[in-house]
Each structure stands twice: as structure tokens, then as C-alpha cells.
Amino acid sequence: MLKTISWRGILLGAIGMLVLLAVIALIVILTGSYNVAADERHTTPVAWALDTSMKNSVQARAGDAQAPAALTRAMISAGAPEYKAMCQHCHGGIGAGKEEWVKGMRPQPPALASAAGEWKPEEVFWLVKHGVKASGMPAFGDTHDDKTIWNIAAFVKALPQMSAEEYSSYPTEHGG
């Protein structure tokens, strides 16, 4: 004879499983058994969870940013010195590598010359303005106005189409 499925039994089993998972998570947290050392990579499931969560979080929140009608050459030029001063050491540039000490960061900052194509302008703006917790990416919203951040976003979005010669032609300092 087949037993009938009891919804009460399924519900109790699901609650029991959630309690067990919570206890395991609490043990991992309280014992410090997950290695947080920056000189070791995250496990594949943790790296996937963090990366997926970050991307989905940015996409969910960046829609509030009001993008300019167009990212202009003037914005790109104005964003270049800001990028070179604040971003290049971690993200590199076209023909300009990341600083040596960046090798010790986890997660590794993406090379924006290629990664910028994966993000919408509003998402780049949001990332620059708000940063990313536990990644080394600071929030520049407290120290830079939205116009400056849009200029940086314009420069970042232009990177994938930029040549090394064009990149090096932009000044490293304002008016330089």
C-alpha cells in the first residue's frame, strides 16, 4: 500500500532542514572555520555566491540612477584624470597594468578595459558611487558629486573601445 503524502510532514521536514542549515552556518561563523585570508581564493561555491549576489544587487539598485542622455567625449575626457588617479592602480588601463600589491586582493578587481562592457552606464555609476562591501572597492559618493561620478562612468564605459595610444593621451591630472 502506498502511504499518502502528509503536507504536515513535508512542512516539518523543511523546517527541520532549515534549522539544521542555520546551526551549521552558526557553527562555521562562531568557530571561524571558513578561511578569510586574502592570499587564498574563495571556494567555488562561495565565489559564485558572492559574485552572483554582487551583480544582482547592483542591477537591482542601479535603475534609480538617472543617466545623462549621452556619455559625451567631454565627459570621457573629464573622467580620465579621476580614473587614472583613483581607479587605475586596482583596475589597470589600456597598456597600464595594475599595481603589484593588487595581486593580494580577493576578490581580484576586474580589468575594466574588458569588464566594463558587461555593465550598463547606470551600473558603473552605482558601483563608483556606492562601492562594494568586502571587496576593496570604496564608495566615492561621499567625496565626489554625481557629475564627477558620471564622468568616471563615461570614461570606464569608453575603455573597451579605447586604444593604448588614446588611453595614454588622456591627462593623469586635471589640466595636465
N, C-alpha and C. Protein backbone atom coordinates (compact mmCIF):
# COMPACT_ATOMS: atom_id res chain seq x y z
N MET A 1 0.81 -1.19 0.00
CA MET A 1 0.00 0.00 0.00
C MET A 1 0.86 1.25 0.00
N LEU A 2 0.43 2.21 -0.75
CA LEU A 2 1.13 3.48 -0.78
C LEU A 2 0.63 4.37 0.34
N LYS A 3 1.58 5.03 0.98
CA LYS A 3 1.20 6.00 2.01
C LYS A 3 0.87 7.32 1.35
N THR A 4 -0.06 8.01 1.91
CA THR A 4 -0.38 9.33 1.38
C THR A 4 0.64 10.33 1.92
N ILE A 5 0.93 11.32 1.10
CA ILE A 5 1.89 12.34 1.50
C ILE A 5 1.21 13.31 2.45
N SER A 6 1.86 13.51 3.57
CA SER A 6 1.34 14.43 4.57
C SER A 6 2.02 15.78 4.41
N TRP A 7 1.24 16.81 4.13
CA TRP A 7 1.81 18.15 3.99
C TRP A 7 2.41 18.61 5.31
N ARG A 8 1.84 18.14 6.39
CA ARG A 8 2.39 18.48 7.70
C ARG A 8 3.79 17.88 7.85
N GLY A 9 3.96 16.66 7.39
CA GLY A 9 5.28 16.00 7.46
C GLY A 9 6.30 16.71 6.58
N ILE A 10 5.87 17.11 5.40
CA ILE A 10 6.77 17.83 4.49
C ILE A 10 7.17 19.17 5.10
N LEU A 11 6.21 19.87 5.66
CA LEU A 11 6.49 21.16 6.29
C LEU A 11 7.44 21.00 7.47
N LEU A 12 7.22 20.01 8.31
CA LEU A 12 8.11 19.77 9.45
C LEU A 12 9.51 19.39 8.97
N GLY A 13 9.58 18.59 7.92
CA GLY A 13 10.90 18.22 7.37
C GLY A 13 11.64 19.43 6.82
N ALA A 14 10.92 20.30 6.13
CA ALA A 14 11.53 21.52 5.58
C ALA A 14 12.01 22.43 6.69
N ILE A 15 11.20 22.59 7.73
CA ILE A 15 11.60 23.43 8.86
C ILE A 15 12.82 22.83 9.56
N GLY A 16 12.80 21.52 9.73
CA GLY A 16 13.94 20.84 10.34
C GLY A 16 15.21 21.04 9.54
N MET A 17 15.11 20.96 8.22
CA MET A 17 16.28 21.17 7.35
C MET A 17 16.80 22.60 7.47
N LEU A 18 15.90 23.57 7.51
CA LEU A 18 16.31 24.97 7.66
C LEU A 18 17.00 25.20 9.01
N VAL A 19 16.48 24.60 10.06
CA VAL A 19 17.11 24.72 11.38
C VAL A 19 18.50 24.09 11.35
N LEU A 20 18.64 22.92 10.73
CA LEU A 20 19.94 22.26 10.63
C LEU A 20 20.94 23.13 9.86
N LEU A 21 20.51 23.70 8.74
CA LEU A 21 21.39 24.58 7.96
C LEU A 21 21.80 25.82 8.75
N ALA A 22 20.86 26.38 9.51
CA ALA A 22 21.17 27.54 10.35
C ALA A 22 22.19 27.19 11.43
N VAL A 23 22.05 26.02 12.02
CA VAL A 23 23.00 25.57 13.05
C VAL A 23 24.39 25.38 12.43
N ILE A 24 24.45 24.77 11.26
CA ILE A 24 25.74 24.58 10.58
C ILE A 24 26.37 25.94 10.26
N ALA A 25 25.59 26.87 9.73
CA ALA A 25 26.10 28.20 9.42
C ALA A 25 26.61 28.89 10.68
N LEU A 26 25.88 28.78 11.77
CA LEU A 26 26.29 29.40 13.03
C LEU A 26 27.59 28.79 13.54
N ILE A 27 27.75 27.48 13.40
CA ILE A 27 29.00 26.82 13.82
C ILE A 27 30.16 27.34 12.99
N VAL A 28 29.98 27.44 11.68
CA VAL A 28 31.04 27.95 10.80
C VAL A 28 31.40 29.38 11.19
N ILE A 29 30.41 30.20 11.45
CA ILE A 29 30.64 31.61 11.81
C ILE A 29 31.35 31.73 13.16
N LEU A 30 30.86 31.02 14.15
CA LEU A 30 31.40 31.16 15.50
C LEU A 30 32.78 30.51 15.69
N THR A 31 33.07 29.48 14.90
CA THR A 31 34.38 28.83 15.04
C THR A 31 35.43 29.44 14.14
N GLY A 32 35.01 30.29 13.20
CA GLY A 32 35.98 30.86 12.26
C GLY A 32 36.55 29.82 11.32
N SER A 33 35.81 28.77 11.06
CA SER A 33 36.34 27.68 10.24
C SER A 33 36.47 28.03 8.76
N TYR A 34 35.77 29.06 8.30
CA TYR A 34 35.95 29.48 6.91
C TYR A 34 37.15 30.42 6.85
N ASN A 35 38.13 30.08 6.05
CA ASN A 35 39.36 30.86 5.94
C ASN A 35 39.09 32.14 5.15
N VAL A 36 39.29 33.28 5.78
CA VAL A 36 39.05 34.57 5.12
C VAL A 36 40.35 35.20 4.63
N ALA A 37 41.46 34.48 4.67
CA ALA A 37 42.75 35.02 4.24
C ALA A 37 42.69 35.45 2.77
N ALA A 38 43.19 36.64 2.49
CA ALA A 38 43.15 37.18 1.13
C ALA A 38 44.15 36.50 0.21
N ASP A 39 45.10 35.74 0.76
CA ASP A 39 46.06 35.08 -0.11
C ASP A 39 45.59 33.69 -0.56
N GLU A 40 44.35 33.33 -0.23
CA GLU A 40 43.75 32.10 -0.72
C GLU A 40 42.43 32.45 -1.39
N ARG A 41 42.15 31.79 -2.48
CA ARG A 41 40.89 32.03 -3.20
C ARG A 41 39.71 31.50 -2.39
N HIS A 42 38.53 32.09 -2.65
CA HIS A 42 37.30 31.54 -2.08
C HIS A 42 37.05 30.18 -2.72
N THR A 43 36.31 29.34 -2.02
CA THR A 43 35.89 28.09 -2.63
C THR A 43 34.96 28.44 -3.80
N THR A 44 34.82 27.54 -4.73
CA THR A 44 33.99 27.80 -5.91
C THR A 44 32.56 28.18 -5.55
N PRO A 45 31.89 27.46 -4.63
CA PRO A 45 30.52 27.87 -4.30
C PRO A 45 30.45 29.25 -3.65
N VAL A 46 31.40 29.57 -2.79
CA VAL A 46 31.41 30.88 -2.14
C VAL A 46 31.69 31.98 -3.17
N ALA A 47 32.66 31.76 -4.05
CA ALA A 47 32.98 32.75 -5.09
C ALA A 47 31.75 32.98 -5.97
N TRP A 48 31.07 31.90 -6.36
CA TRP A 48 29.87 32.04 -7.18
C TRP A 48 28.79 32.83 -6.43
N ALA A 49 28.57 32.49 -5.16
CA ALA A 49 27.53 33.16 -4.38
C ALA A 49 27.82 34.65 -4.22
N LEU A 50 29.07 35.00 -3.92
CA LEU A 50 29.43 36.40 -3.74
C LEU A 50 29.33 37.17 -5.05
N ASP A 51 29.84 36.60 -6.13
CA ASP A 51 29.82 37.27 -7.43
C ASP A 51 28.39 37.45 -7.93
N THR A 52 27.60 36.41 -7.83
CA THR A 52 26.21 36.47 -8.30
C THR A 52 25.41 37.47 -7.47
N SER A 53 25.61 37.43 -6.15
CA SER A 53 24.91 38.36 -5.27
C SER A 53 25.29 39.81 -5.58
N MET A 54 26.58 40.05 -5.81
CA MET A 54 27.03 41.42 -6.11
C MET A 54 26.41 41.91 -7.42
N LYS A 55 26.48 41.10 -8.45
CA LYS A 55 25.93 41.52 -9.75
C LYS A 55 24.43 41.77 -9.67
N ASN A 56 23.70 40.87 -9.02
CA ASN A 56 22.25 41.04 -8.90
C ASN A 56 21.90 42.24 -8.04
N SER A 57 22.68 42.50 -6.99
CA SER A 57 22.44 43.65 -6.13
C SER A 57 22.63 44.95 -6.89
N VAL A 58 23.70 45.04 -7.66
CA VAL A 58 23.96 46.25 -8.44
C VAL A 58 22.85 46.46 -9.46
N GLN A 59 22.49 45.41 -10.19
CA GLN A 59 21.44 45.54 -11.20
C GLN A 59 20.12 45.96 -10.59
N ALA A 60 19.81 45.46 -9.40
CA ALA A 60 18.55 45.79 -8.74
C ALA A 60 18.50 47.24 -8.27
N ARG A 61 19.66 47.82 -7.94
CA ARG A 61 19.68 49.16 -7.36
C ARG A 61 20.08 50.26 -8.34
N ALA A 62 20.75 49.90 -9.42
CA ALA A 62 21.27 50.90 -10.34
C ALA A 62 20.18 51.57 -11.17
N GLY A 63 19.02 50.98 -11.22
CA GLY A 63 17.92 51.56 -12.01
C GLY A 63 17.49 52.93 -11.51
N ASP A 64 17.80 53.25 -10.27
CA ASP A 64 17.44 54.56 -9.71
C ASP A 64 18.33 55.68 -10.24
N ALA A 65 19.48 55.33 -10.79
CA ALA A 65 20.41 56.34 -11.31
C ALA A 65 19.86 56.91 -12.61
N GLN A 66 19.83 58.22 -12.71
CA GLN A 66 19.34 58.89 -13.91
C GLN A 66 20.53 59.19 -14.82
N ALA A 67 20.71 58.37 -15.83
CA ALA A 67 21.84 58.53 -16.74
C ALA A 67 21.65 59.77 -17.60
N PRO A 68 22.74 60.43 -17.95
CA PRO A 68 22.64 61.54 -18.91
C PRO A 68 22.15 60.99 -20.26
N ALA A 69 21.65 61.86 -21.09
CA ALA A 69 21.15 61.45 -22.40
C ALA A 69 22.23 60.73 -23.20
N ALA A 70 23.47 61.16 -23.05
CA ALA A 70 24.59 60.53 -23.74
C ALA A 70 25.85 60.70 -22.90
N LEU A 71 26.76 59.74 -23.04
CA LEU A 71 28.08 59.86 -22.41
C LEU A 71 28.97 60.51 -23.46
N THR A 72 29.29 61.76 -23.28
CA THR A 72 29.97 62.57 -24.30
C THR A 72 31.49 62.47 -24.21
N ARG A 73 32.14 62.92 -25.27
CA ARG A 73 33.61 62.97 -25.30
C ARG A 73 34.11 63.88 -24.18
N ALA A 74 33.40 64.97 -23.91
CA ALA A 74 33.79 65.88 -22.83
C ALA A 74 33.73 65.17 -21.48
N MET A 75 32.71 64.35 -21.27
CA MET A 75 32.61 63.59 -20.02
C MET A 75 33.75 62.58 -19.91
N ILE A 76 34.04 61.91 -21.02
CA ILE A 76 35.12 60.92 -21.03
C ILE A 76 36.44 61.61 -20.69
N SER A 77 36.70 62.75 -21.31
CA SER A 77 37.93 63.50 -21.04
C SER A 77 38.00 63.96 -19.59
N ALA A 78 36.87 64.42 -19.05
CA ALA A 78 36.85 64.88 -17.66
C ALA A 78 37.01 63.71 -16.69
N GLY A 79 36.55 62.53 -17.07
CA GLY A 79 36.66 61.36 -16.21
C GLY A 79 38.03 60.71 -16.21
N ALA A 80 38.83 60.96 -17.25
CA ALA A 80 40.14 60.31 -17.38
C ALA A 80 41.07 60.57 -16.21
N PRO A 81 41.29 61.84 -15.81
CA PRO A 81 42.23 62.05 -14.69
C PRO A 81 41.73 61.44 -13.38
N GLU A 82 40.41 61.47 -13.18
CA GLU A 82 39.84 60.86 -11.97
C GLU A 82 40.10 59.36 -11.98
N TYR A 83 39.84 58.72 -13.12
CA TYR A 83 40.07 57.28 -13.25
C TYR A 83 41.54 56.95 -13.01
N LYS A 84 42.41 57.69 -13.68
CA LYS A 84 43.83 57.39 -13.57
C LYS A 84 44.35 57.59 -12.16
N ALA A 85 43.78 58.56 -11.43
CA ALA A 85 44.22 58.83 -10.06
C ALA A 85 43.63 57.84 -9.05
N MET A 86 42.38 57.43 -9.25
CA MET A 86 41.69 56.65 -8.22
C MET A 86 41.44 55.20 -8.58
N CYS A 87 41.41 54.86 -9.84
CA CYS A 87 40.95 53.53 -10.25
C CYS A 87 42.04 52.68 -10.91
N GLN A 88 42.94 53.34 -11.64
CA GLN A 88 43.92 52.62 -12.44
C GLN A 88 44.79 51.68 -11.62
N HIS A 89 45.16 52.07 -10.41
CA HIS A 89 46.07 51.21 -9.64
C HIS A 89 45.46 49.84 -9.35
N CYS A 90 44.13 49.74 -9.23
CA CYS A 90 43.47 48.45 -8.99
C CYS A 90 42.94 47.81 -10.27
N HIS A 91 42.37 48.62 -11.17
CA HIS A 91 41.70 48.08 -12.35
C HIS A 91 42.55 48.13 -13.62
N GLY A 92 43.69 48.82 -13.56
CA GLY A 92 44.54 48.93 -14.74
C GLY A 92 43.93 49.84 -15.79
N GLY A 93 44.59 49.90 -16.90
CA GLY A 93 44.14 50.70 -18.04
C GLY A 93 44.64 50.05 -19.31
N ILE A 94 44.42 50.66 -20.44
CA ILE A 94 44.89 50.12 -21.71
C ILE A 94 46.40 50.38 -21.78
N GLY A 95 47.18 49.34 -21.68
CA GLY A 95 48.64 49.49 -21.67
C GLY A 95 49.18 49.90 -20.32
N ALA A 96 48.34 50.02 -19.32
CA ALA A 96 48.76 50.37 -17.96
C ALA A 96 48.25 49.27 -17.03
N GLY A 97 49.18 48.52 -16.46
CA GLY A 97 48.78 47.40 -15.60
C GLY A 97 48.36 47.84 -14.22
N LYS A 98 47.86 46.87 -13.49
CA LYS A 98 47.50 47.08 -12.09
C LYS A 98 48.78 47.15 -11.27
N GLU A 99 48.69 47.77 -10.11
CA GLU A 99 49.83 47.81 -9.21
C GLU A 99 50.12 46.40 -8.70
N GLU A 100 51.36 46.14 -8.35
CA GLU A 100 51.80 44.82 -7.89
C GLU A 100 51.00 44.35 -6.66
N TRP A 101 50.73 45.26 -5.73
CA TRP A 101 50.06 44.88 -4.49
C TRP A 101 48.62 44.41 -4.70
N VAL A 102 48.05 44.69 -5.87
CA VAL A 102 46.68 44.29 -6.16
C VAL A 102 46.57 42.76 -6.27
N LYS A 103 47.69 42.10 -6.56
CA LYS A 103 47.67 40.63 -6.66
C LYS A 103 47.21 39.99 -5.35
N GLY A 104 47.38 40.69 -4.23
CA GLY A 104 46.98 40.14 -2.94
C GLY A 104 45.53 40.41 -2.57
N MET A 105 44.77 41.01 -3.45
CA MET A 105 43.35 41.32 -3.15
C MET A 105 42.45 40.16 -3.53
N ARG A 106 41.45 39.91 -2.71
CA ARG A 106 40.39 38.95 -3.00
C ARG A 106 39.07 39.61 -2.69
N PRO A 107 38.18 39.70 -3.61
CA PRO A 107 38.33 39.24 -4.98
C PRO A 107 39.23 40.17 -5.78
N GLN A 108 39.75 39.67 -6.87
CA GLN A 108 40.58 40.48 -7.74
C GLN A 108 39.74 41.55 -8.42
N PRO A 109 40.19 42.80 -8.40
CA PRO A 109 39.45 43.84 -9.14
C PRO A 109 39.48 43.52 -10.64
N PRO A 110 38.36 43.64 -11.31
CA PRO A 110 38.34 43.31 -12.73
C PRO A 110 39.12 44.34 -13.55
N ALA A 111 39.69 43.87 -14.65
CA ALA A 111 40.33 44.76 -15.61
C ALA A 111 39.19 45.42 -16.39
N LEU A 112 38.97 46.70 -16.13
CA LEU A 112 37.80 47.38 -16.69
C LEU A 112 37.89 47.59 -18.20
N ALA A 113 39.08 47.46 -18.76
CA ALA A 113 39.20 47.58 -20.21
C ALA A 113 38.37 46.50 -20.91
N SER A 114 38.16 45.38 -20.24
CA SER A 114 37.30 44.35 -20.82
C SER A 114 35.99 44.21 -20.05
N ALA A 115 36.01 44.30 -18.74
CA ALA A 115 34.82 44.07 -17.91
C ALA A 115 33.77 45.16 -18.03
N ALA A 116 34.15 46.36 -18.40
CA ALA A 116 33.19 47.48 -18.47
C ALA A 116 32.08 47.21 -19.47
N GLY A 117 32.35 46.41 -20.47
CA GLY A 117 31.33 46.09 -21.46
C GLY A 117 30.17 45.28 -20.90
N GLU A 118 30.37 44.63 -19.74
CA GLU A 118 29.34 43.81 -19.13
C GLU A 118 28.34 44.63 -18.30
N TRP A 119 28.65 45.91 -18.06
CA TRP A 119 27.84 46.73 -17.17
C TRP A 119 27.19 47.87 -17.94
N LYS A 120 25.96 48.22 -17.57
CA LYS A 120 25.29 49.38 -18.13
C LYS A 120 25.90 50.63 -17.49
N PRO A 121 25.79 51.80 -18.15
CA PRO A 121 26.33 53.02 -17.56
C PRO A 121 25.79 53.30 -16.15
N GLU A 122 24.49 53.05 -15.93
CA GLU A 122 23.90 53.28 -14.61
C GLU A 122 24.53 52.37 -13.55
N GLU A 123 24.90 51.16 -13.97
CA GLU A 123 25.52 50.22 -13.04
C GLU A 123 26.95 50.64 -12.69
N VAL A 124 27.68 51.13 -13.69
CA VAL A 124 29.04 51.63 -13.42
C VAL A 124 28.95 52.83 -12.47
N PHE A 125 28.03 53.74 -12.75
CA PHE A 125 27.81 54.90 -11.87
C PHE A 125 27.52 54.43 -10.45
N TRP A 126 26.61 53.48 -10.29
CA TRP A 126 26.22 52.99 -8.98
C TRP A 126 27.43 52.38 -8.26
N LEU A 127 28.22 51.57 -8.97
CA LEU A 127 29.39 50.94 -8.37
C LEU A 127 30.40 51.98 -7.88
N VAL A 128 30.64 53.01 -8.68
CA VAL A 128 31.59 54.05 -8.29
C VAL A 128 31.03 54.84 -7.10
N LYS A 129 29.77 55.16 -7.15
CA LYS A 129 29.17 55.97 -6.09
C LYS A 129 29.07 55.22 -4.76
N HIS A 130 28.67 53.95 -4.81
CA HIS A 130 28.37 53.21 -3.58
C HIS A 130 29.43 52.19 -3.18
N GLY A 131 30.32 51.81 -4.09
CA GLY A 131 31.34 50.81 -3.77
C GLY A 131 30.74 49.43 -3.58
N VAL A 132 31.60 48.48 -3.16
CA VAL A 132 31.17 47.10 -2.93
C VAL A 132 31.79 46.63 -1.61
N LYS A 133 30.94 46.26 -0.67
CA LYS A 133 31.40 45.80 0.63
C LYS A 133 32.35 44.60 0.49
N ALA A 134 33.34 44.56 1.37
CA ALA A 134 34.27 43.43 1.49
C ALA A 134 34.97 43.08 0.18
N SER A 135 35.21 44.08 -0.65
CA SER A 135 35.88 43.82 -1.93
C SER A 135 37.08 44.72 -2.15
N GLY A 136 37.21 45.77 -1.37
CA GLY A 136 38.26 46.76 -1.60
C GLY A 136 37.78 47.90 -2.48
N MET A 137 36.58 47.79 -3.05
CA MET A 137 36.03 48.86 -3.89
C MET A 137 35.35 49.89 -2.99
N PRO A 138 35.98 51.07 -2.86
CA PRO A 138 35.40 52.09 -1.98
C PRO A 138 34.21 52.79 -2.62
N ALA A 139 33.43 53.45 -1.78
CA ALA A 139 32.32 54.28 -2.24
C ALA A 139 32.84 55.70 -2.38
N PHE A 140 32.68 56.28 -3.57
CA PHE A 140 33.16 57.64 -3.82
C PHE A 140 32.04 58.68 -3.72
N GLY A 141 30.84 58.25 -3.38
CA GLY A 141 29.70 59.17 -3.31
C GLY A 141 29.82 60.24 -2.24
N ASP A 142 30.54 59.96 -1.18
CA ASP A 142 30.70 60.96 -0.12
C ASP A 142 31.74 62.02 -0.46
N THR A 143 32.63 61.71 -1.40
CA THR A 143 33.72 62.63 -1.72
C THR A 143 33.65 63.21 -3.12
N HIS A 144 32.72 62.71 -3.94
CA HIS A 144 32.60 63.17 -5.32
C HIS A 144 31.14 63.41 -5.65
N ASP A 145 30.87 64.49 -6.36
CA ASP A 145 29.49 64.77 -6.75
C ASP A 145 29.08 63.87 -7.92
N ASP A 146 27.77 63.82 -8.18
CA ASP A 146 27.26 62.94 -9.23
C ASP A 146 27.84 63.27 -10.61
N LYS A 147 28.06 64.53 -10.90
CA LYS A 147 28.61 64.91 -12.20
C LYS A 147 30.00 64.28 -12.39
N THR A 148 30.83 64.34 -11.36
CA THR A 148 32.17 63.75 -11.43
C THR A 148 32.07 62.24 -11.58
N ILE A 149 31.15 61.63 -10.84
CA ILE A 149 30.99 60.18 -10.92
C ILE A 149 30.49 59.76 -12.30
N TRP A 150 29.60 60.54 -12.91
CA TRP A 150 29.15 60.24 -14.27
C TRP A 150 30.32 60.37 -15.26
N ASN A 151 31.22 61.33 -15.03
CA ASN A 151 32.39 61.46 -15.90
C ASN A 151 33.27 60.21 -15.79
N ILE A 152 33.46 59.73 -14.58
CA ILE A 152 34.25 58.50 -14.39
C ILE A 152 33.55 57.34 -15.09
N ALA A 153 32.23 57.23 -14.91
CA ALA A 153 31.47 56.16 -15.56
C ALA A 153 31.60 56.24 -17.08
N ALA A 154 31.57 57.44 -17.62
CA ALA A 154 31.73 57.62 -19.08
C ALA A 154 33.09 57.13 -19.53
N PHE A 155 34.13 57.46 -18.77
CA PHE A 155 35.47 57.01 -19.12
C PHE A 155 35.56 55.48 -19.05
N VAL A 156 35.02 54.90 -17.99
CA VAL A 156 35.05 53.45 -17.84
C VAL A 156 34.32 52.77 -18.99
N LYS A 157 33.15 53.28 -19.37
CA LYS A 157 32.40 52.69 -20.47
C LYS A 157 33.12 52.83 -21.81
N ALA A 158 33.99 53.84 -21.93
CA ALA A 158 34.75 54.03 -23.17
C ALA A 158 35.97 53.12 -23.25
N LEU A 159 36.42 52.60 -22.13
CA LEU A 159 37.66 51.81 -22.10
C LEU A 159 37.69 50.63 -23.08
N PRO A 160 36.64 49.82 -23.20
CA PRO A 160 36.73 48.67 -24.09
C PRO A 160 37.01 49.00 -25.57
N GLN A 161 36.65 50.21 -25.99
CA GLN A 161 36.88 50.60 -27.39
C GLN A 161 38.15 51.45 -27.56
N MET A 162 38.88 51.65 -26.48
CA MET A 162 40.00 52.58 -26.50
C MET A 162 41.31 51.86 -26.85
N SER A 163 42.15 52.54 -27.61
CA SER A 163 43.48 52.01 -27.90
C SER A 163 44.45 52.45 -26.80
N ALA A 164 45.59 51.81 -26.74
CA ALA A 164 46.61 52.19 -25.75
C ALA A 164 47.08 53.62 -26.00
N GLU A 165 47.18 53.99 -27.27
CA GLU A 165 47.61 55.35 -27.61
C GLU A 165 46.58 56.38 -27.14
N GLU A 166 45.30 56.09 -27.37
CA GLU A 166 44.26 57.01 -26.93
C GLU A 166 44.24 57.10 -25.41
N TYR A 167 44.36 55.95 -24.74
CA TYR A 167 44.36 55.93 -23.27
C TYR A 167 45.50 56.79 -22.72
N SER A 168 46.68 56.63 -23.28
CA SER A 168 47.83 57.38 -22.76
C SER A 168 47.74 58.87 -23.11
N SER A 169 46.90 59.23 -24.09
CA SER A 169 46.78 60.65 -24.46
C SER A 169 45.95 61.44 -23.44
N TYR A 170 45.16 60.75 -22.64
CA TYR A 170 44.38 61.45 -21.62
C TYR A 170 45.28 61.87 -20.48
N PRO A 171 45.03 63.03 -19.90
CA PRO A 171 45.88 63.50 -18.80
C PRO A 171 45.70 62.68 -17.55
N THR A 172 46.73 62.66 -16.73
CA THR A 172 46.65 61.97 -15.45
C THR A 172 46.21 62.94 -14.34
N GLU A 173 46.28 64.21 -14.61
CA GLU A 173 45.84 65.22 -13.64
C GLU A 173 44.95 66.21 -14.38
N HIS A 174 44.07 66.85 -13.65
CA HIS A 174 43.21 67.87 -14.25
C HIS A 174 44.07 68.99 -14.83
N GLY A 175 43.81 69.29 -16.09
CA GLY A 175 44.56 70.36 -16.76
C GLY A 175 45.96 69.93 -17.15
N GLY A 176 46.29 68.61 -17.01
CA GLY A 176 47.65 68.17 -17.28
C GLY A 176 47.82 67.47 -18.56
